[in-house]
């Protein structure tokens, strides 16, 4: 089966078979039917690069359902659209996810890479993740502290725990978040773009206003996958030592730097987009793939591109950044199949 409609880069990879998982109750039967046969999990395919045929059964995560309690405990099925969930939570009177508005993908995929944007990471809001354990053939409930969350990472993309790409141990079924009533919300607007958006305000914006600003910024900066194939940010913002960051700042005063959490106090996060742009790749094209003209961090499929072409362009960018700045850019999406 062609997976072009199941990944936002619109890459034409094929799979042996596709099965839709639309309920937790179906998982024991699916597990028994698959046995030890290769399997692969996909949500909306918004963070994957399919560069070769997948010799596996692709499980499409489509478990739906959402609810929220009076004290702000939000529960959502893995198949729920992420952006729709964010906006629904605001409509229900709760804040906490507004900075993560308009990130494409399903809710179940969000913890895998610990999505983050505009000063907020998903791990700041998650309380538990429920997943089907293919190894033990049962549902498990993991506290946030058990998920190994870090910058764009979790146990769900760690091969030492999750296993190889074609034998993943966990399929996320449900996530629980702790949100805050709108009346008590303390919004996060310290990120540069949000500071600028609300610079004229004397009073803090509401959570809904933050969501609206985030949506406007993302639409201005990032291409819609419905219009042109992409997976959003293709590379992680690299972490460098404070000494290296200081040296780079002396040479390049306009190099954007971002705050890091207390566990990385001796490091600094710098802009991958800036590095790529300074290497001359913004707007570059290689056949049917290229770098978006509006944002150097976004690789795009102009139509007809292949996963191998995307990987070749990514490798070219990595080599150029290493040669010019001595910094290796780590890709954000998952490459399938993995070798």
C-alpha atoms as a PDB file:
ATOM      1  CA  UNK A   1       0.000   0.000   0.000  1.00  0.00           C
ATOM      2  CA  UNK A   2       1.254   3.484  -0.878  1.00  0.00           C
ATOM      3  CA  UNK A   3       1.760   5.644   2.228  1.00  0.00           C
ATOM      4  CA  UNK A   4       1.879   9.018   0.439  1.00  0.00           C
ATOM      5  CA  UNK A   5      -1.404  10.037   2.090  1.00  0.00           C
ATOM      6  CA  UNK A   6      -0.182   8.905   5.500  1.00  0.00           C
ATOM      7  CA  UNK A   7       2.838  11.205   5.846  1.00  0.00           C
ATOM      8  CA  UNK A   8       2.934  14.994   5.658  1.00  0.00           C
ATOM      9  CA  UNK A   9       6.026  15.024   3.426  1.00  0.00           C
ATOM     10  CA  UNK A  10       3.862  13.105   0.919  1.00  0.00           C
ATOM     11  CA  UNK A  11       6.634  10.627   0.231  1.00  0.00           C
ATOM     12  CA  UNK A  12       5.535   7.637  -1.868  1.00  0.00           C
ATOM     13  CA  UNK A  13       6.869   4.773   0.250  1.00  0.00           C
ATOM     14  CA  UNK A  14       5.005   1.495   0.327  1.00  0.00           C
ATOM     15  CA  UNK A  15       4.176  -0.886   3.172  1.00  0.00           C
ATOM     16  CA  UNK A  16       3.349  -4.588   3.214  1.00  0.00           C
ATOM     17  CA  UNK A  17       0.013  -3.919   4.888  1.00  0.00           C
ATOM     18  CA  UNK A  18      -1.864  -1.204   6.796  1.00  0.00           C
ATOM     19  CA  UNK A  19      -4.145  -1.810   9.781  1.00  0.00           C
ATOM     20  CA  UNK A  20      -6.163   0.846  11.606  1.00  0.00           C
ATOM     21  CA  UNK A  21      -6.181   0.682  15.407  1.00  0.00           C
ATOM     22  CA  UNK A  22      -9.387   2.385  16.507  1.00  0.00           C
ATOM     23  CA  UNK A  23      -9.900   0.907  19.973  1.00  0.00           C
ATOM     24  CA  UNK A  24      -7.916  -0.408  22.916  1.00  0.00           C
ATOM     25  CA  UNK A  25     -10.099  -3.508  22.896  1.00  0.00           C
ATOM     26  CA  UNK A  26      -8.794  -4.437  19.434  1.00  0.00           C
ATOM     27  CA  UNK A  27      -5.152  -4.536  20.501  1.00  0.00           C
ATOM     28  CA  UNK A  28      -5.020  -8.074  21.988  1.00  0.00           C
ATOM     29  CA  UNK A  29      -6.437  -9.506  18.743  1.00  0.00           C
ATOM     30  CA  UNK A  30      -4.088  -7.399  16.611  1.00  0.00           C
ATOM     31  CA  UNK A  31      -1.132  -8.521  18.721  1.00  0.00           C
ATOM     32  CA  UNK A  32      -2.106 -12.166  18.367  1.00  0.00           C
ATOM     33  CA  UNK A  33      -2.643 -11.811  14.614  1.00  0.00           C
ATOM     34  CA  UNK A  34       0.738 -10.161  14.087  1.00  0.00           C
ATOM     35  CA  UNK A  35       2.735 -12.515  16.265  1.00  0.00           C
ATOM     36  CA  UNK A  36       6.404 -11.700  15.706  1.00  0.00           C
ATOM     37  CA  UNK A  37       5.816 -10.251  12.242  1.00  0.00           C
ATOM     38  CA  UNK A  38       7.328  -6.791  11.654  1.00  0.00           C
ATOM     39  CA  UNK A  39       5.096  -3.876  12.624  1.00  0.00           C
ATOM     40  CA  UNK A  40       5.405  -0.107  12.522  1.00  0.00           C
ATOM     41  CA  UNK A  41       3.327   2.605  14.216  1.00  0.00           C
ATOM     42  CA  UNK A  42       2.155   5.783  12.471  1.00  0.00           C
ATOM     43  CA  UNK A  43      -0.020   8.635  13.674  1.00  0.00           C
ATOM     44  CA  UNK A  44      -0.455  11.373  11.080  1.00  0.00           C
ATOM     45  CA  UNK A  45       3.069  10.828   9.752  1.00  0.00           C
ATOM     46  CA  UNK A  46       3.974  14.423  10.600  1.00  0.00           C
ATOM     47  CA  UNK A  47       7.394  13.585  12.034  1.00  0.00           C
ATOM     48  CA  UNK A  48       8.678  10.797   9.806  1.00  0.00           C
ATOM     49  CA  UNK A  49      10.732  10.545   6.630  1.00  0.00           C
ATOM     50  CA  UNK A  50       9.805   7.444   4.627  1.00  0.00           C
ATOM     51  CA  UNK A  51      12.833   6.803   2.443  1.00  0.00           C
ATOM     52  CA  UNK A  52      12.353   3.158   1.399  1.00  0.00           C
ATOM     53  CA  UNK A  53       9.628   0.471   1.364  1.00  0.00           C
ATOM     54  CA  UNK A  54       8.487  -0.618   4.824  1.00  0.00           C
ATOM     55  CA  UNK A  55       8.649  -4.393   5.099  1.00  0.00           C
ATOM     56  CA  UNK A  56       6.108  -4.352   7.916  1.00  0.00           C
ATOM     57  CA  UNK A  57       2.466  -3.969   8.833  1.00  0.00           C
ATOM     58  CA  UNK A  58       1.813  -0.293   9.505  1.00  0.00           C
ATOM     59  CA  UNK A  59      -0.505   0.300  12.462  1.00  0.00           C
ATOM     60  CA  UNK A  60      -2.392   3.580  12.110  1.00  0.00           C
ATOM     61  CA  UNK A  61      -3.182   4.923  15.586  1.00  0.00           C
ATOM     62  CA  UNK A  62      -6.790   6.148  15.505  1.00  0.00           C
ATOM     63  CA  UNK A  63      -8.034   5.701  19.084  1.00  0.00           C
ATOM     64  CA  UNK A  64     -10.357   8.621  19.752  1.00  0.00           C
ATOM     65  CA  UNK A  65     -12.003  10.226  22.768  1.00  0.00           C
ATOM     66  CA  UNK A  66     -11.433  13.243  24.998  1.00  0.00           C
ATOM     67  CA  UNK A  67     -12.709  14.473  28.343  1.00  0.00           C
ATOM     68  CA  UNK A  68     -11.799  16.983  31.011  1.00  0.00           C
ATOM     69  CA  UNK A  69     -12.652  17.166  34.697  1.00  0.00           C
ATOM     70  CA  UNK A  70     -13.556  20.222  36.743  1.00  0.00           C
ATOM     71  CA  UNK A  71     -10.034  20.354  38.165  1.00  0.00           C
ATOM     72  CA  UNK A  72      -8.424  20.373  34.703  1.00  0.00           C
ATOM     73  CA  UNK A  73      -7.400  16.752  34.167  1.00  0.00           C
ATOM     74  CA  UNK A  74      -7.566  16.358  30.395  1.00  0.00           C
ATOM     75  CA  UNK A  75      -7.629  12.847  28.936  1.00  0.00           C
ATOM     76  CA  UNK A  76      -7.289  12.265  25.196  1.00  0.00           C
ATOM     77  CA  UNK A  77      -7.078   9.271  22.896  1.00  0.00           C
ATOM     78  CA  UNK A  78      -3.945   8.871  20.815  1.00  0.00           C
ATOM     79  CA  UNK A  79      -5.805   9.372  17.538  1.00  0.00           C
ATOM     80  CA  UNK A  80      -7.139  12.823  18.401  1.00  0.00           C
ATOM     81  CA  UNK A  81      -5.824  15.666  16.247  1.00  0.00           C
ATOM     82  CA  UNK A  82      -3.374  17.626  18.385  1.00  0.00           C
ATOM     83  CA  UNK A  83      -4.314  21.160  17.347  1.00  0.00           C
ATOM     84  CA  UNK A  84      -8.022  20.425  17.683  1.00  0.00           C
ATOM     85  CA  UNK A  85      -7.382  19.134  21.212  1.00  0.00           C
ATOM     86  CA  UNK A  86      -5.502  22.317  22.151  1.00  0.00           C
ATOM     87  CA  UNK A  87      -8.328  24.545  20.942  1.00  0.00           C
ATOM     88  CA  UNK A  88     -10.976  22.326  22.540  1.00  0.00           C
ATOM     89  CA  UNK A  89      -9.237  22.538  25.920  1.00  0.00           C
ATOM     90  CA  UNK A  90      -9.366  26.334  25.708  1.00  0.00           C
ATOM     91  CA  UNK A  91     -13.052  26.201  24.771  1.00  0.00           C
ATOM     92  CA  UNK A  92     -13.631  24.086  27.880  1.00  0.00           C
ATOM     93  CA  UNK A  93     -12.087  26.833  30.009  1.00  0.00           C
ATOM     94  CA  UNK A  94      -8.576  25.502  30.622  1.00  0.00           C
ATOM     95  CA  UNK A  95      -5.107  26.809  29.789  1.00  0.00           C
ATOM     96  CA  UNK A  96      -1.712  25.159  29.476  1.00  0.00           C
ATOM     97  CA  UNK A  97      -1.439  23.939  25.891  1.00  0.00           C
ATOM     98  CA  UNK A  98      -1.881  27.253  24.069  1.00  0.00           C
ATOM     99  CA  UNK A  99       1.808  27.641  23.140  1.00  0.00           C
ATOM    100  CA  UNK A 100       1.610  24.286  21.363  1.00  0.00           C
ATOM    101  CA  UNK A 101      -1.240  25.286  19.043  1.00  0.00           C
ATOM    102  CA  UNK A 102      -1.121  24.402  15.333  1.00  0.00           C
ATOM    103  CA  UNK A 103       1.570  21.731  15.698  1.00  0.00           C
ATOM    104  CA  UNK A 104       0.516  19.078  13.162  1.00  0.00           C
ATOM    105  CA  UNK A 105       0.032  15.463  14.127  1.00  0.00           C
ATOM    106  CA  UNK A 106      -1.914  13.243  16.468  1.00  0.00           C
ATOM    107  CA  UNK A 107      -2.016  13.436  20.240  1.00  0.00           C
ATOM    108  CA  UNK A 108      -0.391  10.016  20.565  1.00  0.00           C
ATOM    109  CA  UNK A 109       2.650  11.134  18.593  1.00  0.00           C
ATOM    110  CA  UNK A 110       3.160  14.254  20.714  1.00  0.00           C
ATOM    111  CA  UNK A 111       4.967  12.536  23.648  1.00  0.00           C
ATOM    112  CA  UNK A 112       7.216  10.513  21.337  1.00  0.00           C
ATOM    113  CA  UNK A 113       9.322  13.553  20.495  1.00  0.00           C
ATOM    114  CA  UNK A 114       8.159  15.644  23.460  1.00  0.00           C
ATOM    115  CA  UNK A 115       6.839  18.390  21.200  1.00  0.00           C
ATOM    116  CA  UNK A 116       7.616  21.938  22.202  1.00  0.00           C
ATOM    117  CA  UNK A 117       7.184  25.478  20.957  1.00  0.00           C
ATOM    118  CA  UNK A 118       7.386  29.072  22.155  1.00  0.00           C
ATOM    119  CA  UNK A 119       8.758  28.299  25.593  1.00  0.00           C
ATOM    120  CA  UNK A 120       6.619  25.264  26.492  1.00  0.00           C
ATOM    121  CA  UNK A 121       7.315  21.534  26.167  1.00  0.00           C
ATOM    122  CA  UNK A 122       4.699  18.814  26.330  1.00  0.00           C
ATOM    123  CA  UNK A 123       6.389  17.238  29.361  1.00  0.00           C
ATOM    124  CA  UNK A 124       5.496  20.397  31.306  1.00  0.00           C
ATOM    125  CA  UNK A 125       1.818  19.415  31.076  1.00  0.00           C
ATOM    126  CA  UNK A 126       1.686  15.596  30.902  1.00  0.00           C
ATOM    127  CA  UNK A 127       0.874  13.572  34.012  1.00  0.00           C
ATOM    128  CA  UNK A 128       0.545  10.051  32.558  1.00  0.00           C
ATOM    129  CA  UNK A 129       0.854   8.137  29.297  1.00  0.00           C
ATOM    130  CA  UNK A 130      -1.087   4.909  28.765  1.00  0.00           C
ATOM    131  CA  UNK A 131       0.326   2.490  26.203  1.00  0.00           C
ATOM    132  CA  UNK A 132      -0.150  -1.023  24.913  1.00  0.00           C
ATOM    133  CA  UNK A 133       2.894  -3.141  25.710  1.00  0.00           C
ATOM    134  CA  UNK A 134       3.380  -5.607  22.830  1.00  0.00           C
ATOM    135  CA  UNK A 135       6.019  -7.479  24.832  1.00  0.00           C
ATOM    136  CA  UNK A 136       3.907  -8.143  27.937  1.00  0.00           C
ATOM    137  CA  UNK A 137       0.600  -8.000  26.013  1.00  0.00           C
ATOM    138  CA  UNK A 138      -1.100  -5.575  28.383  1.00  0.00           C
ATOM    139  CA  UNK A 139      -1.863  -1.906  28.965  1.00  0.00           C
ATOM    140  CA  UNK A 140       0.659  -0.003  31.064  1.00  0.00           C
ATOM    141  CA  UNK A 141       0.274   3.403  32.672  1.00  0.00           C
ATOM    142  CA  UNK A 142       3.463   5.455  32.820  1.00  0.00           C
ATOM    143  CA  UNK A 143       3.956   8.558  34.928  1.00  0.00           C
ATOM    144  CA  UNK A 144       5.604  11.484  33.169  1.00  0.00           C
ATOM    145  CA  UNK A 145       8.754  10.801  35.193  1.00  0.00           C
ATOM    146  CA  UNK A 146       8.925   7.306  33.659  1.00  0.00           C
ATOM    147  CA  UNK A 147       8.849   8.594  30.080  1.00  0.00           C
ATOM    148  CA  UNK A 148      12.422   9.890  29.933  1.00  0.00           C
ATOM    149  CA  UNK A 149      11.405  13.253  28.534  1.00  0.00           C
ATOM    150  CA  UNK A 150      14.133  15.585  27.316  1.00  0.00           C
ATOM    151  CA  UNK A 151      14.551  17.963  24.397  1.00  0.00           C
ATOM    152  CA  UNK A 152      12.599  16.334  21.518  1.00  0.00           C
ATOM    153  CA  UNK A 153      13.088  12.918  23.066  1.00  0.00           C
ATOM    154  CA  UNK A 154      11.398  10.253  25.178  1.00  0.00           C
ATOM    155  CA  UNK A 155      11.641   6.533  25.834  1.00  0.00           C
ATOM    156  CA  UNK A 156       9.211   6.057  22.945  1.00  0.00           C
ATOM    157  CA  UNK A 157      11.951   6.910  20.448  1.00  0.00           C
ATOM    158  CA  UNK A 158      14.792   5.260  22.362  1.00  0.00           C
ATOM    159  CA  UNK A 159      15.708   1.961  20.637  1.00  0.00           C
ATOM    160  CA  UNK A 160      17.140   0.604  23.896  1.00  0.00           C
ATOM    161  CA  UNK A 161      13.638   0.747  25.415  1.00  0.00           C
ATOM    162  CA  UNK A 162      11.171   0.980  22.542  1.00  0.00           C
ATOM    163  CA  UNK A 163      13.050  -1.547  20.443  1.00  0.00           C
ATOM    164  CA  UNK A 164      13.747  -1.461  16.695  1.00  0.00           C
ATOM    165  CA  UNK A 165      11.487   0.462  14.323  1.00  0.00           C
ATOM    166  CA  UNK A 166       9.822  -2.742  13.091  1.00  0.00           C
ATOM    167  CA  UNK A 167       9.256  -4.260  16.552  1.00  0.00           C
ATOM    168  CA  UNK A 168       8.190  -1.305  18.754  1.00  0.00           C
ATOM    169  CA  UNK A 169       7.317  -2.259  22.301  1.00  0.00           C
ATOM    170  CA  UNK A 170       4.806   0.493  23.094  1.00  0.00           C
ATOM    171  CA  UNK A 171       1.817   1.861  21.201  1.00  0.00           C
ATOM    172  CA  UNK A 172       0.489   4.942  22.985  1.00  0.00           C
ATOM    173  CA  UNK A 173      -3.272   4.762  23.490  1.00  0.00           C
ATOM    174  CA  UNK A 174      -4.111   7.666  25.807  1.00  0.00           C
ATOM    175  CA  UNK A 175      -2.520  10.687  27.458  1.00  0.00           C
ATOM    176  CA  UNK A 176      -3.512  12.630  30.556  1.00  0.00           C
ATOM    177  CA  UNK A 177      -2.597  16.274  31.135  1.00  0.00           C
ATOM    178  CA  UNK A 178      -2.985  18.630  34.066  1.00  0.00           C
ATOM    179  CA  UNK A 179      -4.281  22.010  32.939  1.00  0.00           C
ATOM    180  CA  UNK A 180      -5.221  25.204  34.745  1.00  0.00           C
ATOM    181  CA  UNK A 181      -8.524  27.122  34.764  1.00  0.00           C
ATOM    182  CA  UNK A 182      -8.350  30.132  32.464  1.00  0.00           C
ATOM    183  CA  UNK A 183      -8.991  32.491  35.373  1.00  0.00           C
ATOM    184  CA  UNK A 184      -5.817  31.288  37.127  1.00  0.00           C
ATOM    185  CA  UNK A 185      -3.623  30.890  34.050  1.00  0.00           C
ATOM    186  CA  UNK A 186      -0.085  32.253  34.037  1.00  0.00           C
ATOM    187  CA  UNK A 187       0.748  32.417  30.359  1.00  0.00           C
ATOM    188  CA  UNK A 188       4.246  31.876  28.973  1.00  0.00           C
ATOM    189  CA  UNK A 189       5.215  34.728  26.626  1.00  0.00           C
ATOM    190  CA  UNK A 190       8.973  34.993  27.186  1.00  0.00           C
ATOM    191  CA  UNK A 191       9.807  33.591  23.752  1.00  0.00           C
ATOM    192  CA  UNK A 192      11.021  36.385  21.465  1.00  0.00           C
ATOM    193  CA  UNK A 193       8.198  36.194  18.918  1.00  0.00           C
ATOM    194  CA  UNK A 194       5.547  36.279  21.636  1.00  0.00           C
ATOM    195  CA  UNK A 195       7.293  39.125  23.443  1.00  0.00           C
ATOM    196  CA  UNK A 196       7.116  41.109  20.232  1.00  0.00           C
ATOM    197  CA  UNK A 197       3.480  40.178  19.637  1.00  0.00           C
ATOM    198  CA  UNK A 198       2.436  41.496  23.047  1.00  0.00           C
ATOM    199  CA  UNK A 199       4.977  44.300  23.497  1.00  0.00           C
ATOM    200  CA  UNK A 200       2.231  46.924  23.263  1.00  0.00           C
ATOM    201  CA  UNK A 201       0.220  45.350  26.096  1.00  0.00           C
ATOM    202  CA  UNK A 202       0.329  46.651  29.642  1.00  0.00           C
ATOM    203  CA  UNK A 203      -1.587  43.634  30.968  1.00  0.00           C
ATOM    204  CA  UNK A 204      -0.765  39.952  30.336  1.00  0.00           C
ATOM    205  CA  UNK A 205      -2.671  38.374  27.426  1.00  0.00           C
ATOM    206  CA  UNK A 206      -5.223  35.623  27.938  1.00  0.00           C
ATOM    207  CA  UNK A 207      -4.433  32.017  27.067  1.00  0.00           C
ATOM    208  CA  UNK A 208      -6.731  32.306  24.048  1.00  0.00           C
ATOM    209  CA  UNK A 209      -4.833  35.380  22.871  1.00  0.00           C
ATOM    210  CA  UNK A 210      -1.548  33.496  23.240  1.00  0.00           C
ATOM    211  CA  UNK A 211      -2.963  30.636  21.153  1.00  0.00           C
ATOM    212  CA  UNK A 212      -4.149  33.103  18.505  1.00  0.00           C
ATOM    213  CA  UNK A 213      -0.701  34.728  18.423  1.00  0.00           C
ATOM    214  CA  UNK A 214       1.059  31.360  18.140  1.00  0.00           C
ATOM    215  CA  UNK A 215      -1.241  30.363  15.283  1.00  0.00           C
ATOM    216  CA  UNK A 216      -0.569  33.642  13.469  1.00  0.00           C
ATOM    217  CA  UNK A 217       3.212  33.305  13.936  1.00  0.00           C
ATOM    218  CA  UNK A 218       3.283  29.690  12.756  1.00  0.00           C
ATOM    219  CA  UNK A 219       1.157  30.492   9.704  1.00  0.00           C
ATOM    220  CA  UNK A 220       3.451  33.379   8.845  1.00  0.00           C
ATOM    221  CA  UNK A 221       6.673  31.400   9.285  1.00  0.00           C
ATOM    222  CA  UNK A 222       5.867  27.790   8.448  1.00  0.00           C
ATOM    223  CA  UNK A 223       4.277  26.234   5.353  1.00  0.00           C
ATOM    224  CA  UNK A 224       1.039  24.293   5.779  1.00  0.00           C
ATOM    225  CA  UNK A 225       1.634  20.574   5.032  1.00  0.00           C
ATOM    226  CA  UNK A 226      -1.675  20.663   3.138  1.00  0.00           C
ATOM    227  CA  UNK A 227      -0.109  23.107   0.676  1.00  0.00           C
ATOM    228  CA  UNK A 228       3.422  21.717   0.422  1.00  0.00           C
ATOM    229  CA  UNK A 229       4.855  18.529   1.886  1.00  0.00           C
ATOM    230  CA  UNK A 230       6.927  19.048   5.037  1.00  0.00           C
ATOM    231  CA  UNK A 231       7.434  17.871   8.627  1.00  0.00           C
ATOM    232  CA  UNK A 232       7.946  21.305  10.161  1.00  0.00           C
ATOM    233  CA  UNK A 233      11.319  21.830  11.808  1.00  0.00           C
ATOM    234  CA  UNK A 234      13.688  19.253  10.320  1.00  0.00           C
ATOM    235  CA  UNK A 235      16.628  19.765  12.692  1.00  0.00           C
ATOM    236  CA  UNK A 236      16.852  20.250  16.441  1.00  0.00           C
ATOM    237  CA  UNK A 237      18.312  23.484  17.752  1.00  0.00           C
ATOM    238  CA  UNK A 238      21.812  22.333  18.796  1.00  0.00           C
ATOM    239  CA  UNK A 239      23.069  22.507  22.361  1.00  0.00           C
ATOM    240  CA  UNK A 240      26.604  23.850  22.691  1.00  0.00           C
ATOM    241  CA  UNK A 241      28.807  24.699  25.660  1.00  0.00           C
ATOM    242  CA  UNK A 242      28.563  28.174  27.163  1.00  0.00           C
ATOM    243  CA  UNK A 243      32.161  28.752  26.062  1.00  0.00           C
ATOM    244  CA  UNK A 244      31.398  27.823  22.455  1.00  0.00           C
ATOM    245  CA  UNK A 245      28.243  29.942  22.492  1.00  0.00           C
ATOM    246  CA  UNK A 246      30.228  32.933  23.747  1.00  0.00           C
ATOM    247  CA  UNK A 247      32.843  32.431  21.031  1.00  0.00           C
ATOM    248  CA  UNK A 248      30.147  32.191  18.344  1.00  0.00           C
ATOM    249  CA  UNK A 249      28.412  35.302  19.675  1.00  0.00           C
ATOM    250  CA  UNK A 250      31.634  37.300  19.408  1.00  0.00           C
ATOM    251  CA  UNK A 251      31.970  36.262  15.773  1.00  0.00           C
ATOM    252  CA  UNK A 252      28.241  36.478  15.009  1.00  0.00           C
ATOM    253  CA  UNK A 253      26.436  38.950  17.322  1.00  0.00           C
ATOM    254  CA  UNK A 254      23.105  38.248  15.583  1.00  0.00           C
ATOM    255  CA  UNK A 255      23.157  34.494  16.363  1.00  0.00           C
ATOM    256  CA  UNK A 256      19.909  33.708  18.248  1.00  0.00           C
ATOM    257  CA  UNK A 257      20.314  31.857  21.537  1.00  0.00           C
ATOM    258  CA  UNK A 258      17.555  30.250  23.597  1.00  0.00           C
ATOM    259  CA  UNK A 259      17.230  29.481  27.311  1.00  0.00           C
ATOM    260  CA  UNK A 260      17.691  25.932  28.577  1.00  0.00           C
ATOM    261  CA  UNK A 261      16.432  24.185  31.692  1.00  0.00           C
ATOM    262  CA  UNK A 262      18.429  23.937  34.903  1.00  0.00           C
ATOM    263  CA  UNK A 263      19.773  20.484  34.039  1.00  0.00           C
ATOM    264  CA  UNK A 264      21.726  22.039  31.136  1.00  0.00           C
ATOM    265  CA  UNK A 265      23.035  25.100  32.997  1.00  0.00           C
ATOM    266  CA  UNK A 266      26.478  24.735  31.422  1.00  0.00           C
ATOM    267  CA  UNK A 267      25.055  24.675  27.895  1.00  0.00           C
ATOM    268  CA  UNK A 268      23.275  26.983  25.504  1.00  0.00           C
ATOM    269  CA  UNK A 269      20.771  26.284  22.741  1.00  0.00           C
ATOM    270  CA  UNK A 270      21.359  28.102  19.457  1.00  0.00           C
ATOM    271  CA  UNK A 271      19.285  28.524  16.314  1.00  0.00           C
ATOM    272  CA  UNK A 272      19.611  25.749  13.741  1.00  0.00           C
ATOM    273  CA  UNK A 273      17.682  27.872  11.237  1.00  0.00           C
ATOM    274  CA  UNK A 274      20.260  30.665  11.546  1.00  0.00           C
ATOM    275  CA  UNK A 275      23.141  28.231  10.960  1.00  0.00           C
ATOM    276  CA  UNK A 276      21.453  26.760   7.878  1.00  0.00           C
ATOM    277  CA  UNK A 277      20.595  30.173   6.468  1.00  0.00           C
ATOM    278  CA  UNK A 278      24.183  31.382   6.926  1.00  0.00           C
ATOM    279  CA  UNK A 279      25.318  28.382   4.888  1.00  0.00           C
ATOM    280  CA  UNK A 280      23.174  29.618   2.005  1.00  0.00           C
ATOM    281  CA  UNK A 281      20.459  26.966   1.985  1.00  0.00           C
ATOM    282  CA  UNK A 282      17.360  29.091   2.565  1.00  0.00           C
ATOM    283  CA  UNK A 283      15.190  28.686  -0.533  1.00  0.00           C
ATOM    284  CA  UNK A 284      17.622  26.181  -2.094  1.00  0.00           C
ATOM    285  CA  UNK A 285      16.212  23.476  -4.329  1.00  0.00           C
ATOM    286  CA  UNK A 286      17.546  20.058  -5.254  1.00  0.00           C
ATOM    287  CA  UNK A 287      15.274  18.561  -7.898  1.00  0.00           C
ATOM    288  CA  UNK A 288      11.810  18.099  -6.397  1.00  0.00           C
ATOM    289  CA  UNK A 289      12.892  18.783  -2.799  1.00  0.00           C
ATOM    290  CA  UNK A 290      14.324  21.851  -1.151  1.00  0.00           C
ATOM    291  CA  UNK A 291      14.560  24.235   1.785  1.00  0.00           C
ATOM    292  CA  UNK A 292      11.562  26.477   2.317  1.00  0.00           C
ATOM    293  CA  UNK A 293      12.090  30.052   1.202  1.00  0.00           C
ATOM    294  CA  UNK A 294      10.436  31.405   4.339  1.00  0.00           C
ATOM    295  CA  UNK A 295      12.135  29.245   6.975  1.00  0.00           C
ATOM    296  CA  UNK A 296      15.529  27.577   6.627  1.00  0.00           C
ATOM    297  CA  UNK A 297      14.653  24.880   9.170  1.00  0.00           C
ATOM    298  CA  UNK A 298      11.910  23.415   6.979  1.00  0.00           C
ATOM    299  CA  UNK A 299      12.689  20.908   4.222  1.00  0.00           C
ATOM    300  CA  UNK A 300       9.925  20.559   1.638  1.00  0.00           C
ATOM    301  CA  UNK A 301       8.710  18.203  -1.059  1.00  0.00           C
ATOM    302  CA  UNK A 302       7.673  20.317  -4.040  1.00  0.00           C
ATOM    303  CA  UNK A 303       5.856  17.312  -5.495  1.00  0.00           C
ATOM    304  CA  UNK A 304       7.403  14.141  -6.818  1.00  0.00           C
ATOM    305  CA  UNK A 305      10.260  14.160  -4.334  1.00  0.00           C
ATOM    306  CA  UNK A 306      11.482  10.991  -2.656  1.00  0.00           C
ATOM    307  CA  UNK A 307      12.672  10.161   0.820  1.00  0.00           C
ATOM    308  CA  UNK A 308      16.168   9.518  -0.484  1.00  0.00           C
ATOM    309  CA  UNK A 309      16.266  13.032  -1.973  1.00  0.00           C
ATOM    310  CA  UNK A 310      15.185  14.505   1.371  1.00  0.00           C
ATOM    311  CA  UNK A 311      17.902  12.551   3.188  1.00  0.00           C
ATOM    312  CA  UNK A 312      20.524  13.607   0.639  1.00  0.00           C
ATOM    313  CA  UNK A 313      19.606  17.274   1.109  1.00  0.00           C
ATOM    314  CA  UNK A 314      19.616  16.898   4.901  1.00  0.00           C
ATOM    315  CA  UNK A 315      23.084  15.320   4.733  1.00  0.00           C
ATOM    316  CA  UNK A 316      24.338  18.134   2.501  1.00  0.00           C
ATOM    317  CA  UNK A 317      23.092  20.695   5.024  1.00  0.00           C
ATOM    318  CA  UNK A 318      24.686  18.831   7.937  1.00  0.00           C
ATOM    319  CA  UNK A 319      28.055  18.698   6.182  1.00  0.00           C
ATOM    320  CA  UNK A 320      27.948  22.406   5.335  1.00  0.00           C
ATOM    321  CA  UNK A 321      27.086  23.439   8.909  1.00  0.00           C
ATOM    322  CA  UNK A 322      29.859  21.247  10.332  1.00  0.00           C
ATOM    323  CA  UNK A 323      32.362  22.683   7.854  1.00  0.00           C
ATOM    324  CA  UNK A 324      31.418  26.302   8.595  1.00  0.00           C
ATOM    325  CA  UNK A 325      30.600  26.217  12.318  1.00  0.00           C
ATOM    326  CA  UNK A 326      31.848  22.876  13.653  1.00  0.00           C
ATOM    327  CA  UNK A 327      28.331  21.996  14.832  1.00  0.00           C
ATOM    328  CA  UNK A 328      26.408  18.831  13.957  1.00  0.00           C
ATOM    329  CA  UNK A 329      22.673  19.247  13.383  1.00  0.00           C
ATOM    330  CA  UNK A 330      20.584  16.346  14.652  1.00  0.00           C
ATOM    331  CA  UNK A 331      17.438  15.590  12.640  1.00  0.00           C
ATOM    332  CA  UNK A 332      14.124  15.925  14.442  1.00  0.00           C
ATOM    333  CA  UNK A 333      11.952  13.499  12.426  1.00  0.00           C
ATOM    334  CA  UNK A 334      12.321   9.735  12.536  1.00  0.00           C
ATOM    335  CA  UNK A 335      13.711   8.062   9.418  1.00  0.00           C
ATOM    336  CA  UNK A 336      11.841   4.912   8.370  1.00  0.00           C
ATOM    337  CA  UNK A 337      13.005   2.273   7.814  1.00  0.00           C
ATOM    338  CA  UNK A 338      15.896   2.600  10.241  1.00  0.00           C
ATOM    339  CA  UNK A 339      19.137   0.718   9.676  1.00  0.00           C
END
